[in-house]
Amino acid sequence: MKPFTYIIDRTVGFEKEEGETLLQHGQPLSQNRIFILLLIAGIFAVIGFSMFLTTVSWYAISAMGSPTAVGLVLMAATIPRLVMMMFGGVVADKYKKTTIMFMTNLIQAFVLFSLYVLVDNEILTLTVLLVIAGVFGMLDAFFGPASMSLIPKVVPKKQLQRANSIFQGADQISFIVGPIFAGLMMESLGVASSFLVATILVFLSAVFIFPPFIKEAAVDERVSQNPWQDMKEGMSFVRNSSFLLTGLIVLISLNFFVFGALHIAIPLLVDVYGGSPLNLSFMEASLGIGMLIGSVLLSIYTIQKRRGAVTIYGLMASLGLFILFSLVPSLPFLTAILFFIGFSMVFVYVPFFTVAQENTENRIMGRVMSIIFLAMNGFDPVSYGIVTGFVSIGIPVQMVLFGLGVSGLLIALTVFFKAREFREV
């Protein structure tokens, strides 16, 4: 079945035709109105989301005084998200993606504003915080697959790596700005003000993705089937692709052993070494800067060959640096190492996403992207639980991180030697 586009861009006169993409006539990304709107909306959304994560992590460990509270909050933000992820992919293939993204941002802004009111009035409890974090994470299960599956319909295949790199770079700029904003707001005006600024930014994201601005056409659904059949079709497509299966193992390893562990470890290490909210912001920003530099590099130089091998090299480099991270007892040096971890991680994400988008039909893109997102984040709660669980029984967080890093590196080496076909893609 041929791919089909859902987008009309009246500013450049393209029509909705089967098999045609918006940039088929060589339009550069800088002149694509839809691409620019999506990029701006994504920047505001990610800044708001990163401010939420930084602020809620610091609030849990400072106001509630427990490393376990940090893990519980992060698990509450991720588990409902994972439960709804596959359904989010089905929805992305059946309904307008811009409408899904707009409604998601609008509701998230309301949730963040509620959090601001509760903190400002000093009536927020751990139970309420867990519920709010769960709702916020669940909504992201709809936003992620919709946004990622929209990109291949806005740009041609030859520009996918550059488009993904630009989006990745914009995300990392946002992740740099978000924690810094959060740290400055918490230092100067308090935790509640940080939540309020995050609310405004997520609302602005909804404004830029407002469906009438994008002019997305109605979805032309080719096959009438129930949601379970839709999900089975997406899983069958992934199961029949050796590249996707191997890539999912790589993503799971990176996010379980490195990225998920870092989310919970950074605030814990800041607390262990007597740091402040600004130290927390600088460490998270350093990780983002590394990913930004890597994204810029990949937006300039397109990888044409052995993209599978590049993803494995990126995984092994990330794990090696993560092991070093676990051994260094200094916040400034830890901040520097995070830069190189972030740089290495980009060489896992961007090549894999690009190949996956190039070889997936548009009609099931949302479901495939949701499975990829699920693999990326599905083991994060387990990682949070392992780190906080061992720390709560008295094992130093550095030792826990070292064990995770070594285990992940062994898996990466096994994939490298076993998946020869994947390395040649």
Protein backbone atom coordinates (compact mmCIF):
# COMPACT_ATOMS: atom_id res chain seq x y z
CA MET A 1 0.00 0.00 0.00
CA LYS A 2 1.38 3.40 -1.00
CA PRO A 3 2.02 6.00 1.69
CA PHE A 4 -0.29 8.98 1.71
CA THR A 5 -0.05 12.46 3.17
CA TYR A 6 -2.50 14.11 5.52
CA ILE A 7 -1.15 17.65 5.14
CA ILE A 8 -2.24 20.65 3.10
CA ASP A 9 0.08 23.66 3.02
CA ARG A 10 -1.90 26.42 1.33
CA THR A 11 0.93 28.90 1.67
CA VAL A 12 2.95 27.00 -0.93
CA GLY A 13 0.03 25.57 -2.92
CA PHE A 14 0.47 21.83 -2.37
CA GLU A 15 -2.56 19.62 -2.75
CA LYS A 16 -3.42 16.47 -0.83
CA GLU A 17 -2.43 13.71 -3.22
CA GLU A 18 -1.74 10.07 -2.54
CA GLY A 19 1.95 9.27 -2.43
CA GLU A 20 3.07 12.92 -2.39
CA THR A 21 4.94 14.66 0.44
CA LEU A 22 5.09 18.38 1.15
CA LEU A 23 8.73 18.89 0.19
CA GLN A 24 8.75 16.75 -2.93
CA HIS A 25 9.58 19.84 -5.01
CA GLY A 26 12.80 20.56 -3.15
CA GLN A 27 11.50 23.12 -0.67
CA PRO A 28 14.18 23.76 2.00
CA LEU A 29 13.29 23.15 5.64
CA SER A 30 13.77 26.84 6.48
CA GLN A 31 10.88 27.72 4.14
CA ASN A 32 8.48 25.03 5.29
CA ARG A 33 5.84 26.82 7.35
CA ILE A 34 4.50 23.63 8.94
CA PHE A 35 7.96 22.41 9.91
CA ILE A 36 8.77 25.76 11.54
CA LEU A 37 5.49 25.83 13.48
CA LEU A 38 6.05 22.28 14.71
CA LEU A 39 9.60 23.18 15.71
CA ILE A 40 8.54 26.27 17.70
CA ALA A 41 5.71 24.37 19.39
CA GLY A 42 8.12 21.58 20.30
CA ILE A 43 10.63 24.03 21.81
CA PHE A 44 8.03 25.56 24.12
CA ALA A 45 6.63 22.14 25.07
CA VAL A 46 10.04 20.67 25.91
CA ILE A 47 11.15 23.72 27.92
CA GLY A 48 7.94 23.47 29.94
CA PHE A 49 8.29 19.71 30.38
CA SER A 50 11.95 19.93 31.42
CA MET A 51 11.09 22.66 33.92
CA PHE A 52 8.38 20.38 35.29
CA LEU A 53 10.81 17.45 35.70
CA THR A 54 13.54 19.56 37.31
CA THR A 55 11.15 21.36 39.64
CA VAL A 56 9.19 18.31 40.70
CA SER A 57 12.42 16.35 41.33
CA TRP A 58 13.83 19.08 43.54
CA TYR A 59 10.51 19.60 45.34
CA ALA A 60 10.25 15.87 46.12
CA ILE A 61 13.74 15.61 47.54
CA SER A 62 13.79 18.97 49.38
CA ALA A 63 10.23 19.52 50.60
CA MET A 64 9.49 15.85 51.22
CA GLY A 65 13.02 14.93 52.28
CA SER A 66 13.21 11.44 50.81
CA PRO A 67 15.11 9.89 47.87
CA THR A 68 12.25 7.40 47.65
CA ALA A 69 9.83 10.27 46.98
CA VAL A 70 11.84 11.28 43.91
CA GLY A 71 11.66 7.75 42.54
CA LEU A 72 7.93 7.49 43.25
CA VAL A 73 7.18 10.76 41.49
CA LEU A 74 9.26 9.85 38.42
CA MET A 75 7.65 6.41 38.29
CA ALA A 76 4.20 8.01 38.55
CA ALA A 77 5.09 10.23 35.59
CA THR A 78 6.27 7.32 33.45
CA ILE A 79 4.17 4.22 34.21
CA PRO A 80 0.79 5.64 33.05
CA ARG A 81 2.62 7.08 30.04
CA LEU A 82 3.85 3.62 29.13
CA VAL A 83 0.45 2.01 29.65
CA MET A 84 -1.14 4.47 27.21
CA MET A 85 1.73 4.58 24.71
CA MET A 86 0.48 1.91 22.29
CA PHE A 87 -3.01 3.37 22.35
CA GLY A 88 -1.46 6.77 21.65
CA GLY A 89 0.09 5.35 18.47
CA VAL A 90 -3.28 3.99 17.32
CA VAL A 91 -4.90 7.38 17.94
CA ALA A 92 -2.10 9.12 16.01
CA ASP A 93 -2.84 6.96 12.94
CA LYS A 94 -6.61 7.50 13.11
CA TYR A 95 -7.01 11.20 13.95
CA LYS A 96 -5.43 14.51 13.05
CA LYS A 97 -2.02 14.67 14.67
CA THR A 98 -2.12 18.43 15.16
CA THR A 99 -5.43 18.14 17.02
CA ILE A 100 -3.95 15.46 19.30
CA MET A 101 -0.88 17.59 20.02
CA PHE A 102 -2.95 20.74 20.62
CA MET A 103 -5.36 19.08 23.05
CA THR A 104 -2.50 17.35 24.87
CA ASN A 105 -0.64 20.62 25.44
CA LEU A 106 -3.80 22.43 26.50
CA ILE A 107 -4.66 19.84 29.16
CA GLN A 108 -1.02 19.66 30.33
CA ALA A 109 -1.05 23.43 30.81
CA PHE A 110 -4.15 23.10 33.00
CA VAL A 111 -2.49 20.32 35.02
CA LEU A 112 0.64 22.43 35.56
CA PHE A 113 -1.45 25.41 36.64
CA SER A 114 -3.21 23.21 39.19
CA LEU A 115 0.20 22.15 40.49
CA TYR A 116 1.23 25.81 40.80
CA VAL A 117 -1.89 26.65 42.82
CA LEU A 118 -1.37 23.72 45.19
CA VAL A 119 2.31 24.51 45.81
CA ASP A 120 1.67 28.23 46.17
CA ASN A 121 -0.94 27.55 48.84
CA GLU A 122 1.26 24.90 50.51
CA ILE A 123 -1.43 22.20 50.30
CA LEU A 124 0.34 19.77 47.97
CA THR A 125 0.69 16.26 49.40
CA LEU A 126 2.73 13.37 48.04
CA THR A 127 -0.44 11.51 47.00
CA VAL A 128 -1.76 14.46 45.00
CA LEU A 129 1.68 15.01 43.47
CA LEU A 130 1.77 11.38 42.33
CA VAL A 131 -1.67 11.70 40.71
CA ILE A 132 -0.73 14.93 38.92
CA ALA A 133 2.57 13.44 37.70
CA GLY A 134 0.66 10.40 36.42
CA VAL A 135 -1.85 12.49 34.46
CA PHE A 136 0.93 14.64 33.00
CA GLY A 137 2.89 11.58 31.87
CA MET A 138 -0.18 9.85 30.45
CA LEU A 139 -0.91 12.85 28.22
CA ASP A 140 2.63 12.68 26.82
CA ALA A 141 1.82 9.18 25.53
CA PHE A 142 -0.40 10.85 22.93
CA PHE A 143 1.89 13.79 22.09
CA GLY A 144 5.07 11.79 21.36
CA PRO A 145 3.82 9.35 18.68
CA ALA A 146 1.76 12.09 16.99
CA SER A 147 4.70 14.50 16.70
CA MET A 148 7.26 11.90 15.56
CA SER A 149 4.91 10.37 12.97
CA LEU A 150 4.14 13.81 11.54
CA ILE A 151 7.77 14.60 10.63
CA PRO A 152 8.09 12.04 7.77
CA LYS A 153 4.95 13.51 6.20
CA VAL A 154 6.37 17.01 6.27
CA VAL A 155 9.84 16.32 4.86
CA PRO A 156 11.13 14.00 2.12
CA LYS A 157 13.29 11.00 2.96
CA LYS A 158 16.51 12.68 1.85
CA GLN A 159 16.00 15.38 4.50
CA LEU A 160 14.85 13.14 7.34
CA GLN A 161 18.21 12.94 9.13
CA ARG A 162 18.59 16.72 8.97
CA ALA A 163 15.01 17.25 10.17
CA ASN A 164 15.45 14.76 13.02
CA SER A 165 18.76 16.36 13.96
CA ILE A 166 17.19 19.83 14.01
CA PHE A 167 14.35 18.58 16.18
CA GLN A 168 16.81 16.77 18.43
CA GLY A 169 18.96 19.89 18.64
CA ALA A 170 15.94 22.06 19.42
CA ASP A 171 14.90 19.59 22.10
CA GLN A 172 18.31 19.77 23.70
CA ILE A 173 18.41 23.57 23.59
CA SER A 174 15.06 23.39 25.34
CA PHE A 175 16.39 20.91 27.90
CA ILE A 176 19.30 23.26 28.51
CA VAL A 177 17.07 26.31 28.94
CA GLY A 178 14.38 24.51 30.96
CA PRO A 179 16.50 23.33 33.93
CA ILE A 180 18.34 26.68 34.04
CA PHE A 181 15.03 28.56 34.09
CA ALA A 182 13.75 26.19 36.77
CA GLY A 183 16.87 26.59 38.91
CA LEU A 184 16.82 30.38 38.63
CA MET A 185 13.09 30.56 39.38
CA MET A 186 13.39 28.26 42.41
CA GLU A 187 16.41 30.18 43.74
CA SER A 188 14.84 33.63 43.32
CA LEU A 189 11.05 33.26 43.50
CA GLY A 190 10.40 29.73 44.77
CA VAL A 191 9.12 26.40 43.50
CA ALA A 192 5.59 27.63 42.75
CA SER A 193 6.87 30.27 40.32
CA SER A 194 8.79 27.63 38.39
CA PHE A 195 5.59 25.65 37.89
CA LEU A 196 3.79 28.81 36.74
CA VAL A 197 6.39 29.59 34.07
CA ALA A 198 6.19 25.98 32.86
CA THR A 199 2.41 26.40 32.58
CA ILE A 200 2.77 29.47 30.36
CA LEU A 201 5.31 27.78 28.07
CA VAL A 202 3.22 24.65 27.53
CA PHE A 203 0.20 26.85 26.77
CA LEU A 204 2.26 28.74 24.16
CA SER A 205 3.13 25.40 22.58
CA ALA A 206 -0.60 24.72 22.20
CA VAL A 207 -1.03 28.12 20.52
CA PHE A 208 1.61 27.39 17.87
CA ILE A 209 0.20 23.94 17.12
CA PHE A 210 -3.37 25.32 16.90
CA PRO A 211 -4.91 23.18 14.08
CA PRO A 212 -6.16 26.12 11.93
CA PHE A 213 -2.55 27.36 11.70
CA ILE A 214 -1.35 23.99 10.38
CA LYS A 215 -4.33 23.25 8.10
CA GLU A 216 -4.06 19.49 8.44
CA ALA A 217 -6.54 17.62 6.26
CA ALA A 218 -8.85 14.88 7.51
CA VAL A 219 -7.25 11.47 7.98
CA ASP A 220 -7.95 9.04 5.19
CA GLU A 221 -8.22 5.74 7.07
CA ARG A 222 -7.83 2.86 4.60
CA VAL A 223 -8.64 -0.11 6.84
CA SER A 224 -11.57 -0.33 9.25
CA GLN A 225 -10.58 -2.39 12.27
CA ASN A 226 -10.74 -2.24 16.05
CA PRO A 227 -7.93 -0.74 18.17
CA TRP A 228 -6.60 -4.17 19.16
CA GLN A 229 -6.22 -5.14 15.49
CA ASP A 230 -4.51 -1.81 14.86
CA MET A 231 -2.01 -2.51 17.63
CA LYS A 232 -1.41 -6.06 16.40
CA GLU A 233 -0.67 -4.73 12.91
CA GLY A 234 1.93 -2.33 14.28
CA MET A 235 3.56 -5.03 16.44
CA SER A 236 3.60 -7.44 13.50
CA PHE A 237 5.39 -4.88 11.33
CA VAL A 238 8.09 -4.40 13.98
CA ARG A 239 8.40 -8.14 14.67
CA ASN A 240 9.09 -8.82 10.99
CA SER A 241 11.92 -6.27 10.82
CA SER A 242 15.27 -7.50 12.16
CA PHE A 243 16.60 -3.93 12.07
CA LEU A 244 13.78 -2.62 14.26
CA LEU A 245 14.05 -5.53 16.71
CA THR A 246 17.80 -5.07 17.17
CA GLY A 247 17.38 -1.31 17.36
CA LEU A 248 14.78 -1.70 20.09
CA ILE A 249 17.29 -3.71 22.15
CA VAL A 250 19.82 -0.89 21.69
CA LEU A 251 17.27 1.75 22.75
CA ILE A 252 16.15 -0.27 25.76
CA SER A 253 19.77 -0.70 26.87
CA LEU A 254 20.55 3.01 26.51
CA ASN A 255 17.47 4.23 28.33
CA PHE A 256 17.44 1.62 31.08
CA PHE A 257 21.15 1.58 31.95
CA VAL A 258 22.01 5.22 31.18
CA PHE A 259 19.23 7.73 30.58
CA GLY A 260 16.69 6.38 33.06
CA ALA A 261 19.33 5.96 35.74
CA LEU A 262 20.62 9.49 35.17
CA HIS A 263 17.15 10.98 35.68
CA ILE A 264 17.05 9.67 39.23
CA ALA A 265 20.80 9.75 39.95
CA ILE A 266 21.47 13.42 39.17
CA PRO A 267 19.26 14.89 41.95
CA LEU A 268 20.49 12.19 44.35
CA LEU A 269 24.14 12.99 43.62
CA VAL A 270 23.52 16.72 43.99
CA ASP A 271 22.07 15.99 47.42
CA VAL A 272 24.92 13.60 48.37
CA TYR A 273 27.60 16.16 47.48
CA GLY A 274 25.77 19.09 49.10
CA GLY A 275 24.74 20.89 45.91
CA SER A 276 21.94 23.38 45.24
CA PRO A 277 19.13 23.69 42.66
CA LEU A 278 21.61 25.51 40.41
CA ASN A 279 23.97 22.51 40.51
CA LEU A 280 21.03 20.34 39.49
CA SER A 281 20.25 22.73 36.62
CA PHE A 282 23.87 22.87 35.43
CA MET A 283 24.20 19.07 35.39
CA GLU A 284 21.00 18.56 33.42
CA ALA A 285 21.95 21.44 31.11
CA SER A 286 25.38 19.87 30.47
CA LEU A 287 23.71 16.66 29.32
CA GLY A 288 21.52 18.73 27.01
CA ILE A 289 24.43 20.73 25.60
CA GLY A 290 26.23 17.51 24.69
CA MET A 291 23.17 16.25 22.86
CA LEU A 292 22.80 19.62 21.14
CA ILE A 293 26.37 19.58 19.79
CA GLY A 294 25.90 16.02 18.56
CA SER A 295 22.63 16.98 16.87
CA VAL A 296 24.22 19.96 15.12
CA LEU A 297 26.99 17.72 13.83
CA LEU A 298 24.49 15.20 12.45
CA SER A 299 22.43 17.98 10.85
CA ILE A 300 25.52 18.98 8.84
CA TYR A 301 26.96 15.56 8.02
CA THR A 302 24.49 12.95 6.79
CA ILE A 303 25.35 9.35 7.63
CA GLN A 304 24.72 7.24 4.54
CA LYS A 305 26.33 3.90 5.44
CA ARG A 306 26.56 1.59 8.44
CA ARG A 307 24.04 3.58 10.44
CA GLY A 308 23.32 0.50 12.54
CA ALA A 309 26.99 0.31 13.54
CA VAL A 310 26.93 4.01 14.48
CA THR A 311 24.05 3.40 16.91
CA ILE A 312 25.96 0.58 18.64
CA TYR A 313 29.15 2.66 18.86
CA GLY A 314 27.08 5.46 20.40
CA LEU A 315 25.63 3.02 22.94
CA MET A 316 29.04 1.66 23.96
CA ALA A 317 30.51 5.16 24.28
CA SER A 318 27.56 6.27 26.44
CA LEU A 319 27.94 3.26 28.74
CA GLY A 320 31.71 3.67 29.07
CA LEU A 321 31.29 7.30 30.05
CA PHE A 322 28.47 6.35 32.42
CA ILE A 323 30.82 3.96 34.24
CA LEU A 324 33.33 6.81 34.56
CA PHE A 325 30.49 9.04 35.82
CA SER A 326 29.79 6.57 38.62
CA LEU A 327 33.41 6.76 39.85
CA VAL A 328 33.93 10.54 40.02
CA PRO A 329 33.21 12.19 43.43
CA SER A 330 33.03 15.82 42.23
CA LEU A 331 30.02 17.80 40.99
CA PRO A 332 32.05 19.92 38.50
CA PHE A 333 33.67 16.83 36.95
CA LEU A 334 30.34 14.99 36.90
CA THR A 335 28.85 17.95 35.05
CA ALA A 336 31.63 17.75 32.44
CA ILE A 337 31.19 13.99 31.94
CA LEU A 338 27.46 14.48 31.38
CA PHE A 339 28.30 16.63 28.34
CA PHE A 340 30.11 13.70 26.67
CA ILE A 341 27.37 11.23 27.62
CA GLY A 342 24.81 13.49 25.95
CA PHE A 343 27.00 13.84 22.84
CA SER A 344 27.30 10.05 22.52
CA MET A 345 23.58 9.41 22.99
CA VAL A 346 22.62 11.40 19.90
CA PHE A 347 24.51 8.92 17.73
CA VAL A 348 22.10 6.25 18.95
CA TYR A 349 18.83 8.13 18.52
CA VAL A 350 19.12 10.07 15.26
CA PRO A 351 20.44 7.33 12.90
CA PHE A 352 17.96 4.78 14.26
CA PHE A 353 14.96 7.13 14.06
CA THR A 354 15.90 8.11 10.50
CA VAL A 355 16.15 4.54 9.20
CA ALA A 356 12.94 3.56 10.98
CA GLN A 357 11.03 6.48 9.43
CA GLU A 358 12.46 5.81 5.98
CA ASN A 359 11.26 2.20 6.00
CA THR A 360 7.82 2.55 7.60
CA GLU A 361 4.55 3.21 5.77
CA ASN A 362 2.88 6.47 6.71
CA ARG A 363 -0.40 4.75 7.56
CA ILE A 364 1.20 2.84 10.47
CA MET A 365 3.89 5.38 11.36
CA GLY A 366 2.15 6.37 14.60
CA ARG A 367 1.98 2.79 15.84
CA VAL A 368 5.60 2.03 14.97
CA MET A 369 6.76 5.26 16.62
CA SER A 370 4.71 4.39 19.72
CA ILE A 371 6.46 1.01 19.95
CA ILE A 372 9.83 2.74 19.62
CA PHE A 373 8.84 5.24 22.31
CA LEU A 374 7.70 2.35 24.49
CA ALA A 375 11.08 0.64 24.11
CA MET A 376 12.85 3.90 24.86
CA ASN A 377 10.92 4.54 28.05
CA GLY A 378 9.37 1.26 29.11
CA PHE A 379 12.15 0.30 31.48
CA ASP A 380 12.69 3.75 32.96
CA PRO A 381 10.40 3.04 35.95
CA VAL A 382 12.34 -0.16 36.62
CA SER A 383 15.57 1.84 36.50
CA TYR A 384 14.14 4.40 38.93
CA GLY A 385 13.00 1.63 41.22
CA ILE A 386 16.35 -0.18 41.16
CA VAL A 387 18.37 2.96 41.92
CA THR A 388 16.10 4.26 44.70
CA GLY A 389 15.55 0.75 46.08
CA PHE A 390 19.25 0.02 46.52
CA VAL A 391 19.92 3.53 47.85
CA SER A 392 17.11 3.19 50.40
CA ILE A 393 18.74 0.07 51.89
CA GLY A 394 22.08 1.84 52.30
CA ILE A 395 23.99 1.04 49.09
CA PRO A 396 25.76 4.17 47.77
CA VAL A 397 24.22 5.54 44.59
CA GLN A 398 27.65 5.56 42.91
CA MET A 399 27.98 1.79 43.39
CA VAL A 400 24.51 1.21 41.97
CA LEU A 401 25.37 3.27 38.88
CA PHE A 402 28.63 1.38 38.37
CA GLY A 403 26.79 -1.95 38.40
CA LEU A 404 24.24 -0.70 35.86
CA GLY A 405 26.97 0.65 33.59
CA VAL A 406 28.95 -2.60 33.53
CA SER A 407 25.82 -4.69 32.90
CA GLY A 408 24.76 -2.43 30.04
CA LEU A 409 28.20 -2.52 28.44
CA LEU A 410 28.18 -6.32 28.42
CA ILE A 411 24.83 -6.29 26.61
CA ALA A 412 26.10 -3.71 24.09
CA LEU A 413 29.15 -5.84 23.29
CA THR A 414 26.92 -8.89 22.79
CA VAL A 415 24.72 -6.97 20.34
CA PHE A 416 27.77 -5.71 18.47
CA PHE A 417 29.16 -9.20 17.86
CA LYS A 418 25.83 -10.92 17.23
CA ALA A 419 23.93 -8.42 15.05
CA ARG A 420 26.12 -8.30 11.95
CA GLU A 421 23.27 -7.39 9.58
CA PHE A 422 22.22 -4.52 11.82
CA ARG A 423 25.74 -3.07 11.71
CA GLU A 424 25.67 -2.97 7.90
CA VAL A 425 22.42 -1.01 7.54
